[in-house]
C-alpha atoms as a PDB file:
ATOM      1  CA  MET A   1     -29.096 -16.812  -0.800  1.00  0.00           C
ATOM      2  CA  GLN A   2     -27.127 -18.584  -3.201  1.00  0.00           C
ATOM      3  CA  PHE A   3     -23.193 -18.847  -3.049  1.00  0.00           C
ATOM      4  CA  LEU A   4     -22.688 -16.927  -6.207  1.00  0.00           C
ATOM      5  CA  ALA A   5     -24.904 -14.365  -5.379  1.00  0.00           C
ATOM      6  CA  ALA A   6     -23.789 -14.072  -2.055  1.00  0.00           C
ATOM      7  CA  ILE A   7     -20.249 -13.287  -3.588  1.00  0.00           C
ATOM      8  CA  GLU A   8     -21.698 -10.604  -6.114  1.00  0.00           C
ATOM      9  CA  ASP A   9     -23.713  -9.084  -3.273  1.00  0.00           C
ATOM     10  CA  PHE A  10     -20.417  -8.979  -1.123  1.00  0.00           C
ATOM     11  CA  LEU A  11     -18.410  -7.289  -3.742  1.00  0.00           C
ATOM     12  CA  ARG A  12     -21.372  -4.717  -4.215  1.00  0.00           C
ATOM     13  CA  TYR A  13     -20.975  -3.784  -0.682  1.00  0.00           C
ATOM     14  CA  LEU A  14     -17.316  -3.253  -1.198  1.00  0.00           C
ATOM     15  CA  THR A  15     -17.833  -1.328  -3.838  1.00  0.00           C
ATOM     16  CA  SER A  16     -20.351   0.999  -2.632  1.00  0.00           C
ATOM     17  CA  VAL A  17     -20.066   1.244   1.293  1.00  0.00           C
ATOM     18  CA  ARG A  18     -16.268   0.318   1.740  1.00  0.00           C
ATOM     19  CA  THR A  19     -15.060   2.107  -1.611  1.00  0.00           C
ATOM     20  CA  TYR A  20     -12.405  -0.574  -2.302  1.00  0.00           C
ATOM     21  CA  SER A  21     -10.310  -0.040  -4.931  1.00  0.00           C
ATOM     22  CA  PRO A  22     -10.960  -1.796  -8.780  1.00  0.00           C
ATOM     23  CA  HIS A  23      -7.532  -3.741  -8.267  1.00  0.00           C
ATOM     24  CA  THR A  24      -8.711  -4.908  -4.540  1.00  0.00           C
ATOM     25  CA  LEU A  25     -12.462  -5.751  -5.816  1.00  0.00           C
ATOM     26  CA  LYS A  26     -10.582  -7.906  -8.689  1.00  0.00           C
ATOM     27  CA  ALA A  27      -8.492  -9.963  -6.276  1.00  0.00           C
ATOM     28  CA  TYR A  28     -11.476 -10.279  -4.008  1.00  0.00           C
ATOM     29  CA  ARG A  29     -13.302 -11.825  -6.638  1.00  0.00           C
ATOM     30  CA  GLN A  30     -10.937 -13.981  -7.906  1.00  0.00           C
ATOM     31  CA  ASP A  31     -10.152 -15.099  -4.899  1.00  0.00           C
ATOM     32  CA  LEU A  32     -13.793 -16.090  -3.968  1.00  0.00           C
ATOM     33  CA  GLN A  33     -14.694 -17.616  -7.477  1.00  0.00           C
ATOM     34  CA  GLN A  34     -11.408 -19.724  -7.081  1.00  0.00           C
ATOM     35  CA  PHE A  35     -12.715 -20.926  -3.956  1.00  0.00           C
ATOM     36  CA  TYR A  36     -16.424 -21.931  -5.133  1.00  0.00           C
ATOM     37  CA  ALA A  37     -14.823 -23.755  -7.872  1.00  0.00           C
ATOM     38  CA  PHE A  38     -12.591 -25.921  -5.406  1.00  0.00           C
ATOM     39  CA  CYS A  39     -15.796 -26.342  -3.350  1.00  0.00           C
ATOM     40  CA  VAL A  40     -17.868 -27.579  -6.746  1.00  0.00           C
ATOM     41  CA  GLU A  41     -14.975 -30.384  -6.775  1.00  0.00           C
ATOM     42  CA  TYR A  42     -14.495 -30.962  -3.236  1.00  0.00           C
ATOM     43  CA  TYR A  43     -18.248 -31.542  -2.602  1.00  0.00           C
ATOM     44  CA  ASP A  44     -18.636 -32.742  -6.059  1.00  0.00           C
ATOM     45  CA  ARG A  45     -21.837 -31.086  -6.755  1.00  0.00           C
ATOM     46  CA  ASP A  46     -23.311 -27.581  -8.493  1.00  0.00           C
ATOM     47  CA  PRO A  47     -24.440 -25.848  -6.811  1.00  0.00           C
ATOM     48  CA  VAL A  48     -22.561 -25.594  -3.371  1.00  0.00           C
ATOM     49  CA  ALA A  49     -24.690 -24.251  -0.688  1.00  0.00           C
ATOM     50  CA  LEU A  50     -23.484 -21.543   1.735  1.00  0.00           C
ATOM     51  CA  GLY A  51     -24.552 -23.836   4.719  1.00  0.00           C
ATOM     52  CA  ASP A  52     -22.285 -26.474   3.423  1.00  0.00           C
ATOM     53  CA  ILE A  53     -19.033 -24.755   3.812  1.00  0.00           C
ATOM     54  CA  ASP A  54     -16.911 -25.825   7.168  1.00  0.00           C
ATOM     55  CA  LYS A  55     -13.621 -25.195   8.356  1.00  0.00           C
ATOM     56  CA  ILE A  56     -12.388 -28.399   7.223  1.00  0.00           C
ATOM     57  CA  SER A  57     -13.007 -27.474   3.538  1.00  0.00           C
ATOM     58  CA  ILE A  58     -11.228 -24.373   3.850  1.00  0.00           C
ATOM     59  CA  ARG A  59      -8.115 -26.159   5.108  1.00  0.00           C
ATOM     60  CA  HIS A  60      -8.385 -28.189   2.459  1.00  0.00           C
ATOM     61  CA  PHE A  61      -8.317 -25.529   0.172  1.00  0.00           C
ATOM     62  CA  LEU A  62      -5.389 -23.977   1.871  1.00  0.00           C
ATOM     63  CA  GLY A  63      -3.656 -27.132   1.506  1.00  0.00           C
ATOM     64  CA  MET A  64      -4.503 -27.447  -2.226  1.00  0.00           C
ATOM     65  CA  LEU A  65      -2.875 -24.121  -2.786  1.00  0.00           C
ATOM     66  CA  THR A  66       0.414 -25.254  -1.260  1.00  0.00           C
ATOM     67  CA  GLU A  67       0.422 -28.339  -3.306  1.00  0.00           C
ATOM     68  CA  VAL A  68       0.289 -26.341  -6.280  1.00  0.00           C
ATOM     69  CA  LYS A  69       2.970 -23.898  -5.043  1.00  0.00           C
ATOM     70  CA  PHE A  70       1.245 -20.930  -4.199  1.00  0.00           C
ATOM     71  CA  ALA A  71       2.963 -18.479  -2.054  1.00  0.00           C
ATOM     72  CA  ALA A  72       2.292 -18.420   1.735  1.00  0.00           C
ATOM     73  CA  ARG A  73       1.414 -14.628   1.104  1.00  0.00           C
ATOM     74  CA  SER A  74      -1.453 -15.287  -1.708  1.00  0.00           C
ATOM     75  CA  SER A  75      -2.755 -18.348   0.476  1.00  0.00           C
ATOM     76  CA  ALA A  76      -2.987 -15.533   3.250  1.00  0.00           C
ATOM     77  CA  ARG A  77      -4.719 -12.987   1.336  1.00  0.00           C
ATOM     78  CA  LYS A  78      -7.072 -15.756  -0.100  1.00  0.00           C
ATOM     79  CA  LEU A  79      -8.093 -16.603   3.230  1.00  0.00           C
ATOM     80  CA  ALA A  80      -8.724 -13.178   4.540  1.00  0.00           C
ATOM     81  CA  ALA A  81     -10.889 -12.741   1.398  1.00  0.00           C
ATOM     82  CA  LEU A  82     -13.015 -15.668   2.739  1.00  0.00           C
ATOM     83  CA  LYS A  83     -12.643 -14.609   6.445  1.00  0.00           C
ATOM     84  CA  SER A  84     -14.285 -11.451   5.254  1.00  0.00           C
ATOM     85  CA  PHE A  85     -17.015 -12.716   3.260  1.00  0.00           C
ATOM     86  CA  PHE A  86     -18.198 -15.251   5.862  1.00  0.00           C
ATOM     87  CA  ARG A  87     -18.460 -12.504   8.153  1.00  0.00           C
ATOM     88  CA  TYR A  88     -20.588 -10.567   5.799  1.00  0.00           C
ATOM     89  CA  CYS A  89     -22.642 -13.595   5.207  1.00  0.00           C
ATOM     90  CA  LEU A  90     -23.080 -14.190   9.149  1.00  0.00           C
ATOM     91  CA  LYS A  91     -24.304 -10.612   9.452  1.00  0.00           C
ATOM     92  CA  ARG A  92     -26.809 -10.698   6.945  1.00  0.00           C
ATOM     93  CA  GLY A  93     -28.225 -14.059   8.230  1.00  0.00           C
ATOM     94  CA  TRP A  94     -27.327 -16.170   5.383  1.00  0.00           C
ATOM     95  CA  ILE A  95     -25.007 -18.707   7.637  1.00  0.00           C
ATOM     96  CA  GLU A  96     -25.210 -19.520  11.239  1.00  0.00           C
ATOM     97  CA  LYS A  97     -21.464 -19.375  11.837  1.00  0.00           C
ATOM     98  CA  ASN A  98     -18.344 -18.136  10.111  1.00  0.00           C
ATOM     99  CA  PRO A  99     -16.549 -21.385   8.902  1.00  0.00           C
ATOM    100  CA  ALA A 100     -13.207 -19.542   8.423  1.00  0.00           C
ATOM    101  CA  TYR A 101     -13.351 -17.815  11.599  1.00  0.00           C
ATOM    102  CA  SER A 102     -10.926 -20.387  13.322  1.00  0.00           C
ATOM    103  CA  VAL A 103      -8.889 -21.473  10.479  1.00  0.00           C
ATOM    104  CA  ARG A 104      -5.344 -20.430  10.997  1.00  0.00           C
ATOM    105  CA  THR A 105      -3.495 -17.856   8.604  1.00  0.00           C
ATOM    106  CA  PRO A 106      -0.642 -19.408   6.804  1.00  0.00           C
ATOM    107  CA  ARG A 107       2.813 -18.130   8.056  1.00  0.00           C
ATOM    108  CA  ILE A 108       4.728 -15.800   6.155  1.00  0.00           C
ATOM    109  CA  PRO A 109       8.043 -15.431   6.118  1.00  0.00           C
ATOM    110  CA  ARG A 110       8.964 -11.820   7.196  1.00  0.00           C
ATOM    111  CA  LYS A 111      10.140  -9.631   4.266  1.00  0.00           C
ATOM    112  CA  LEU A 112      11.845  -6.347   5.214  1.00  0.00           C
ATOM    113  CA  PRO A 113      10.475  -3.540   2.930  1.00  0.00           C
ATOM    114  CA  ALA A 114      13.107  -1.821   0.408  1.00  0.00           C
ATOM    115  CA  VAL A 115      14.275   1.608   1.621  1.00  0.00           C
ATOM    116  CA  LEU A 116      16.372   4.295   0.516  1.00  0.00           C
ATOM    117  CA  SER A 117      19.095   5.318   2.915  1.00  0.00           C
ATOM    118  CA  LYS A 118      19.105   8.994   4.196  1.00  0.00           C
ATOM    119  CA  GLU A 119      22.018   9.800   1.814  1.00  0.00           C
ATOM    120  CA  GLN A 120      20.313   8.365  -1.038  1.00  0.00           C
ATOM    121  CA  ALA A 121      17.118   9.831  -0.343  1.00  0.00           C
ATOM    122  CA  ALA A 122      19.042  13.653  -0.173  1.00  0.00           C
ATOM    123  CA  GLU A 123      20.876  12.638  -3.512  1.00  0.00           C
ATOM    124  CA  LEU A 124      17.294  11.888  -5.315  1.00  0.00           C
ATOM    125  CA  PHE A 125      16.211  15.558  -4.390  1.00  0.00           C
ATOM    126  CA  ARG A 126      19.450  16.837  -5.007  1.00  0.00           C
ATOM    127  CA  ARG A 127      19.483  15.393  -8.747  1.00  0.00           C
ATOM    128  CA  LEU A 128      15.779  17.094  -9.352  1.00  0.00           C
ATOM    129  CA  GLU A 129      16.165  19.943 -12.041  1.00  0.00           C
ATOM    130  CA  VAL A 130      13.000  21.615 -12.609  1.00  0.00           C
ATOM    131  CA  ARG A 131      12.857  23.098 -16.280  1.00  0.00           C
ATOM    132  CA  ASP A 132       9.082  22.629 -17.313  1.00  0.00           C
ATOM    133  CA  PHE A 133       5.448  21.459 -16.222  1.00  0.00           C
ATOM    134  CA  ILE A 134       6.544  17.952 -16.243  1.00  0.00           C
ATOM    135  CA  THR A 135       9.515  18.209 -14.049  1.00  0.00           C
ATOM    136  CA  ALA A 136       8.111  20.440 -11.742  1.00  0.00           C
ATOM    137  CA  ARG A 137       5.391  18.003 -11.267  1.00  0.00           C
ATOM    138  CA  ASP A 138       7.554  15.009 -10.653  1.00  0.00           C
ATOM    139  CA  ALA A 139       9.365  16.959  -7.836  1.00  0.00           C
ATOM    140  CA  ALA A 140       5.902  17.813  -6.105  1.00  0.00           C
ATOM    141  CA  MET A 141       4.756  13.823  -6.704  1.00  0.00           C
ATOM    142  CA  LEU A 142       8.223  12.940  -5.152  1.00  0.00           C
ATOM    143  CA  GLU A 143       8.051  14.990  -2.792  1.00  0.00           C
ATOM    144  CA  LEU A 144       5.006  14.508  -1.145  1.00  0.00           C
ATOM    145  CA  PHE A 145       5.483  10.813  -1.492  1.00  0.00           C
ATOM    146  CA  TYR A 146       8.545  10.990   0.788  1.00  0.00           C
ATOM    147  CA  ALA A 147       7.360  13.719   3.060  1.00  0.00           C
ATOM    148  CA  CYS A 148       3.950  12.162   3.856  1.00  0.00           C
ATOM    149  CA  GLY A 149       4.331   8.786   3.286  1.00  0.00           C
ATOM    150  CA  LEU A 150       1.424   8.612   0.652  1.00  0.00           C
ATOM    151  CA  ARG A 151       0.248   5.404  -1.066  1.00  0.00           C
ATOM    152  CA  LEU A 152       0.043   5.671  -4.890  1.00  0.00           C
ATOM    153  CA  SER A 153      -3.433   5.706  -5.027  1.00  0.00           C
ATOM    154  CA  GLU A 154      -3.726   8.373  -2.397  1.00  0.00           C
ATOM    155  CA  LEU A 155      -1.272  10.816  -4.218  1.00  0.00           C
ATOM    156  CA  GLN A 156      -3.041   9.995  -7.552  1.00  0.00           C
ATOM    157  CA  GLY A 157      -6.474  10.944  -6.171  1.00  0.00           C
ATOM    158  CA  LEU A 158      -5.192  14.348  -4.851  1.00  0.00           C
ATOM    159  CA  ARG A 159      -7.201  17.637  -5.668  1.00  0.00           C
ATOM    160  CA  LEU A 160      -6.369  21.085  -5.166  1.00  0.00           C
ATOM    161  CA  ARG A 161      -8.614  21.548  -2.460  1.00  0.00           C
ATOM    162  CA  ASP A 162      -6.717  18.997  -0.697  1.00  0.00           C
ATOM    163  CA  ILE A 163      -3.646  20.991  -0.012  1.00  0.00           C
ATOM    164  CA  ARG A 164      -4.009  23.479   2.482  1.00  0.00           C
ATOM    165  CA  PHE A 165      -1.340  25.648   2.279  1.00  0.00           C
ATOM    166  CA  ARG A 166      -2.072  28.270   5.006  1.00  0.00           C
ATOM    167  CA  SER A 167      -2.350  25.678   7.761  1.00  0.00           C
ATOM    168  CA  MET A 168       0.535  23.331   6.116  1.00  0.00           C
ATOM    169  CA  LEU A 169      -1.741  20.515   5.916  1.00  0.00           C
ATOM    170  CA  VAL A 170      -2.902  17.769   3.254  1.00  0.00           C
ATOM    171  CA  SER A 171      -6.105  15.885   3.606  1.00  0.00           C
ATOM    172  CA  VAL A 172      -5.766  12.371   2.342  1.00  0.00           C
ATOM    173  CA  THR A 173      -8.457   9.738   1.553  1.00  0.00           C
ATOM    174  CA  GLY A 174      -6.992   6.278   2.481  1.00  0.00           C
ATOM    175  CA  LYS A 175      -8.142   2.898   2.332  1.00  0.00           C
ATOM    176  CA  GLY A 176     -11.806   2.282   3.159  1.00  0.00           C
ATOM    177  CA  ASN A 177     -12.489   5.938   2.308  1.00  0.00           C
ATOM    178  CA  LYS A 178     -10.632   7.128   5.659  1.00  0.00           C
ATOM    179  CA  GLN A 179      -9.304  10.687   5.470  1.00  0.00           C
ATOM    180  CA  ARG A 180      -6.195  11.729   7.646  1.00  0.00           C
ATOM    181  CA  LEU A 181      -4.581  15.054   7.705  1.00  0.00           C
ATOM    182  CA  LEU A 182      -0.629  14.965   7.167  1.00  0.00           C
ATOM    183  CA  PRO A 183       1.686  17.747   7.851  1.00  0.00           C
ATOM    184  CA  LEU A 184       3.180  19.461   4.612  1.00  0.00           C
ATOM    185  CA  GLY A 185       6.590  20.548   5.261  1.00  0.00           C
ATOM    186  CA  GLU A 186       8.327  23.524   3.643  1.00  0.00           C
ATOM    187  CA  ASN A 187      10.419  21.627   0.573  1.00  0.00           C
ATOM    188  CA  SER A 188       6.810  19.989  -0.252  1.00  0.00           C
ATOM    189  CA  ARG A 189       5.099  23.462  -0.147  1.00  0.00           C
ATOM    190  CA  ARG A 190       7.789  25.074  -2.203  1.00  0.00           C
ATOM    191  CA  ALA A 191       7.868  22.130  -4.891  1.00  0.00           C
ATOM    192  CA  LEU A 192       3.886  22.231  -5.000  1.00  0.00           C
ATOM    193  CA  GLU A 193       3.675  26.348  -5.494  1.00  0.00           C
ATOM    194  CA  LEU A 194       6.453  26.018  -8.167  1.00  0.00           C
ATOM    195  CA  TYR A 195       4.464  22.943  -9.644  1.00  0.00           C
ATOM    196  CA  LEU A 196       0.842  25.244  -9.999  1.00  0.00           C
ATOM    197  CA  ALA A 197       2.858  27.942 -11.359  1.00  0.00           C
ATOM    198  CA  TYR A 198       3.583  25.608 -14.230  1.00  0.00           C
ATOM    199  CA  TYR A 199       0.335  24.047 -13.840  1.00  0.00           C
ATOM    200  CA  GLU A 200      -1.788  27.460 -14.540  1.00  0.00           C
ATOM    201  CA  LYS A 201       0.697  28.580 -17.325  1.00  0.00           C
ATOM    202  CA  ALA A 202      -0.176  25.363 -19.138  1.00  0.00           C
ATOM    203  CA  PHE A 203      -3.689  24.649 -18.345  1.00  0.00           C
ATOM    204  CA  GLY A 204      -5.174  27.878 -16.870  1.00  0.00           C
ATOM    205  CA  LYS A 205      -5.985  28.418 -13.229  1.00  0.00           C
ATOM    206  CA  PRO A 206      -7.423  25.219 -11.564  1.00  0.00           C
ATOM    207  CA  GLY A 207     -10.358  24.996  -9.224  1.00  0.00           C
ATOM    208  CA  PRO A 208     -10.595  23.654  -5.814  1.00  0.00           C
ATOM    209  CA  ASP A 209     -12.190  20.277  -7.246  1.00  0.00           C
ATOM    210  CA  ASN A 210      -9.537  19.941  -9.943  1.00  0.00           C
ATOM    211  CA  MET A 211      -7.633  16.995  -9.854  1.00  0.00           C
ATOM    212  CA  LEU A 212      -4.040  18.075  -8.392  1.00  0.00           C
ATOM    213  CA  PHE A 213      -1.626  16.146 -10.695  1.00  0.00           C
ATOM    214  CA  LEU A 214      -2.057  16.028 -14.256  1.00  0.00           C
ATOM    215  CA  SER A 215      -0.330  14.285 -17.606  1.00  0.00           C
ATOM    216  CA  GLY A 216       1.185  16.385 -20.033  1.00  0.00           C
ATOM    217  CA  ASN A 217      -2.065  16.284 -22.008  1.00  0.00           C
ATOM    218  CA  GLY A 218      -4.099  17.898 -19.193  1.00  0.00           C
ATOM    219  CA  ARG A 219      -5.863  14.783 -17.916  1.00  0.00           C
ATOM    220  CA  PRO A 220      -5.528  13.249 -14.841  1.00  0.00           C
ATOM    221  CA  ILE A 221      -2.051  11.624 -14.168  1.00  0.00           C
ATOM    222  CA  SER A 222      -2.466   7.652 -14.349  1.00  0.00           C
ATOM    223  CA  THR A 223      -1.112   5.208 -11.375  1.00  0.00           C
ATOM    224  CA  ARG A 224       0.783   3.621 -14.224  1.00  0.00           C
ATOM    225  CA  ASN A 225       2.475   6.766 -15.208  1.00  0.00           C
ATOM    226  CA  ILE A 226       3.288   7.933 -11.975  1.00  0.00           C
ATOM    227  CA  ARG A 227       4.959   4.648 -11.343  1.00  0.00           C
ATOM    228  CA  LEU A 228       7.125   4.945 -14.183  1.00  0.00           C
ATOM    229  CA  ARG A 229       8.107   8.527 -13.432  1.00  0.00           C
ATOM    230  CA  VAL A 230       9.027   7.316  -9.898  1.00  0.00           C
ATOM    231  CA  GLU A 231      11.081   4.278 -11.064  1.00  0.00           C
ATOM    232  CA  LYS A 232      13.044   6.597 -13.493  1.00  0.00           C
ATOM    233  CA  TYR A 233      13.967   9.041 -10.667  1.00  0.00           C
ATOM    234  CA  LEU A 234      14.942   6.150  -7.951  1.00  0.00           C
ATOM    235  CA  LYS A 235      16.985   3.929 -10.257  1.00  0.00           C
ATOM    236  CA  PRO A 236      19.956   6.061 -10.507  1.00  0.00           C
ATOM    237  CA  VAL A 237      20.077   6.638  -6.727  1.00  0.00           C
ATOM    238  CA  SER A 238      18.673   3.500  -5.334  1.00  0.00           C
ATOM    239  CA  GLY A 239      22.015   1.123  -5.436  1.00  0.00           C
ATOM    240  CA  GLY A 240      20.565  -1.414  -7.830  1.00  0.00           C
ATOM    241  CA  MET A 241      17.666  -2.274  -5.388  1.00  0.00           C
ATOM    242  CA  ARG A 242      15.163  -4.532  -7.068  1.00  0.00           C
ATOM    243  CA  LYS A 243      12.133  -2.670  -6.356  1.00  0.00           C
ATOM    244  CA  ASN A 244      12.004   1.087  -7.392  1.00  0.00           C
ATOM    245  CA  SER A 245       8.511   2.105  -6.610  1.00  0.00           C
ATOM    246  CA  PRO A 246       6.809   5.063  -4.834  1.00  0.00           C
ATOM    247  CA  HIS A 247       5.825   2.529  -2.044  1.00  0.00           C
ATOM    248  CA  VAL A 248       9.878   2.552  -1.487  1.00  0.00           C
ATOM    249  CA  LEU A 249       9.647   6.077  -0.747  1.00  0.00           C
ATOM    250  CA  ARG A 250       6.596   5.667   1.719  1.00  0.00           C
ATOM    251  CA  HIS A 251       8.614   2.930   3.601  1.00  0.00           C
ATOM    252  CA  SER A 252      11.519   5.494   3.492  1.00  0.00           C
ATOM    253  CA  PHE A 253       9.321   8.047   5.050  1.00  0.00           C
ATOM    254  CA  ALA A 254       8.186   5.418   8.047  1.00  0.00           C
ATOM    255  CA  THR A 255      12.068   4.241   8.594  1.00  0.00           C
ATOM    256  CA  HIS A 256      13.357   7.712   8.674  1.00  0.00           C
ATOM    257  CA  LEU A 257      11.041   8.975  10.968  1.00  0.00           C
ATOM    258  CA  LEU A 258      11.620   6.168  13.721  1.00  0.00           C
ATOM    259  CA  ASP A 259      15.270   6.939  13.265  1.00  0.00           C
ATOM    260  CA  GLU A 260      15.150  10.615  14.026  1.00  0.00           C
ATOM    261  CA  GLY A 261      12.954   9.515  17.265  1.00  0.00           C
ATOM    262  CA  ALA A 262       9.631   9.350  16.210  1.00  0.00           C
ATOM    263  CA  ASP A 263       7.416   7.101  18.308  1.00  0.00           C
ATOM    264  CA  LEU A 264       5.473   4.410  16.455  1.00  0.00           C
ATOM    265  CA  GLU A 265       2.028   5.252  17.041  1.00  0.00           C
ATOM    266  CA  SER A 266       2.511   8.602  15.478  1.00  0.00           C
ATOM    267  CA  VAL A 267       3.782   7.213  12.500  1.00  0.00           C
ATOM    268  CA  ARG A 268       0.937   4.539  12.334  1.00  0.00           C
ATOM    269  CA  MET A 269      -1.345   7.225  12.151  1.00  0.00           C
ATOM    270  CA  MET A 270       0.399   9.430   9.788  1.00  0.00           C
ATOM    271  CA  LEU A 271       0.925   5.709   7.327  1.00  0.00           C
ATOM    272  CA  GLY A 272      -3.273   5.308   7.893  1.00  0.00           C
ATOM    273  CA  HIS A 273      -2.383   1.903   9.150  1.00  0.00           C
ATOM    274  CA  GLU A 274      -5.388   0.446  11.404  1.00  0.00           C
ATOM    275  CA  SER A 275      -2.915  -2.205  13.469  1.00  0.00           C
ATOM    276  CA  LEU A 276      -0.061  -0.834  14.861  1.00  0.00           C
ATOM    277  CA  SER A 277       1.611  -4.421  14.350  1.00  0.00           C
ATOM    278  CA  THR A 278       1.441  -3.278  10.698  1.00  0.00           C
ATOM    279  CA  THR A 279       3.820  -0.553  11.590  1.00  0.00           C
ATOM    280  CA  GLN A 280       6.176  -2.510  13.541  1.00  0.00           C
ATOM    281  CA  VAL A 281       7.930  -3.887  10.538  1.00  0.00           C
ATOM    282  CA  TYR A 282       9.613  -0.502  10.290  1.00  0.00           C
ATOM    283  CA  THR A 283      11.333  -1.139  13.875  1.00  0.00           C
ATOM    284  CA  HIS A 284      12.708  -4.356  12.308  1.00  0.00           C
ATOM    285  CA  VAL A 285      13.989  -2.225   9.365  1.00  0.00           C
ATOM    286  CA  LYS A 286      15.836   0.019  11.678  1.00  0.00           C
ATOM    287  CA  MET A 287      16.931  -2.961  13.806  1.00  0.00           C
ATOM    288  CA  GLY A 288      18.223  -4.670  10.591  1.00  0.00           C
ATOM    289  CA  ARG A 289      20.135  -1.243  10.011  1.00  0.00           C
ATOM    290  CA  LEU A 290      21.726  -0.988  13.258  1.00  0.00           C
ATOM    291  CA  LYS A 291      22.932  -4.720  13.069  1.00  0.00           C
ATOM    292  CA  SER A 292      24.644  -4.079   9.697  1.00  0.00           C
ATOM    293  CA  THR A 293      26.394  -0.779  10.950  1.00  0.00           C
ATOM    294  CA  TYR A 294      27.424  -3.189  14.121  1.00  0.00           C
ATOM    295  CA  GLU A 295      28.909  -5.444  12.236  1.00  0.00           C
ATOM    296  CA  LYS A 296      30.846  -3.199  10.012  1.00  0.00           C
ATOM    297  CA  ALA A 297      32.016  -0.669  12.502  1.00  0.00           C
ATOM    298  CA  HIS A 298      32.666  -2.649  15.783  1.00  0.00           C
ATOM    299  CA  PRO A 299      35.922  -4.395  16.027  1.00  0.00           C
ATOM    300  CA  ARG A 300      34.796  -7.329  18.222  1.00  0.00           C
ATOM    301  CA  ALA A 301      31.834  -8.014  15.685  1.00  0.00           C
ATOM    302  CA  GLU A 302      34.607  -7.970  12.959  1.00  0.00           C
ATOM    303  CA  LYS A 303      36.968  -9.846  14.736  1.00  0.00           C
ATOM    304  CA  LYS A 304      33.883 -12.701  15.304  1.00  0.00           C
ATOM    305  CA  LYS A 305      32.943 -12.724  11.789  1.00  0.00           C
ATOM    306  CA  LYS A 306      36.661 -13.391  10.447  1.00  0.00           C
ATOM    307  CA  GLU A 307      37.056 -16.079  12.908  1.00  0.00           C
ATOM    308  CA  GLN A 308      34.297 -17.976  11.567  1.00  0.00           C
END
């Protein structure tokens, strides 16, 4: 199997079997093609065979990325793509061992996610005023983002059948086509019922397979439109936060659950994380907030701060 043909086969697998998003597939394609272009120059020949690649060439590739000022997070993503690709090639019998297996991931500086305070979240929903189809839709989207911790693609892909009003559950299809059930919550239920009343008035009664959220022209709403609408509502309440994306509501959902005593494993399941280590970042958010509160409120902490 030729290197470039193997890349195409791998991408087809990610599309048809793993059902990766177009955005993720584009990133994988760019990363793998960039590595192949590096290998052509590194080995000074074209084509380069899959069996030619070893961990030394991969380390040199990562070193090149560092030299041209790629961020550690971008380098780590590219290495993850290579590990996944060569693991696939190994399973298909195209190579005898995975050359990326023992290559260490670049150290990524820990960056805490942006979250709303509970007061900011309360202010967000206090400001919502439902007047028509658009504002009813926006209110329902915001409620689901915050109440269920949904990813943008998960909310955009919801169909009417995914909302189970009787059992107060939402069926969500996440990464890798994995499904999970999430509690709906009374505020979310009311917001959805109000939105669906406007929906029916504007476009007729929807069937179970209809997309849940529509744009003003009756077509499925785009992720870009959702992002812009959420940003519009977050900016006035987020206190100058640099990012005002739907993910802020997902981060806030997780952080506020932990603040109120939810266990980490339950939060992991609700977020749809495969690994508990991914969810643990929210414990650092919680600790950061505790430290900030301590420094502001504790007299001894304040004294120490002044003495420095």
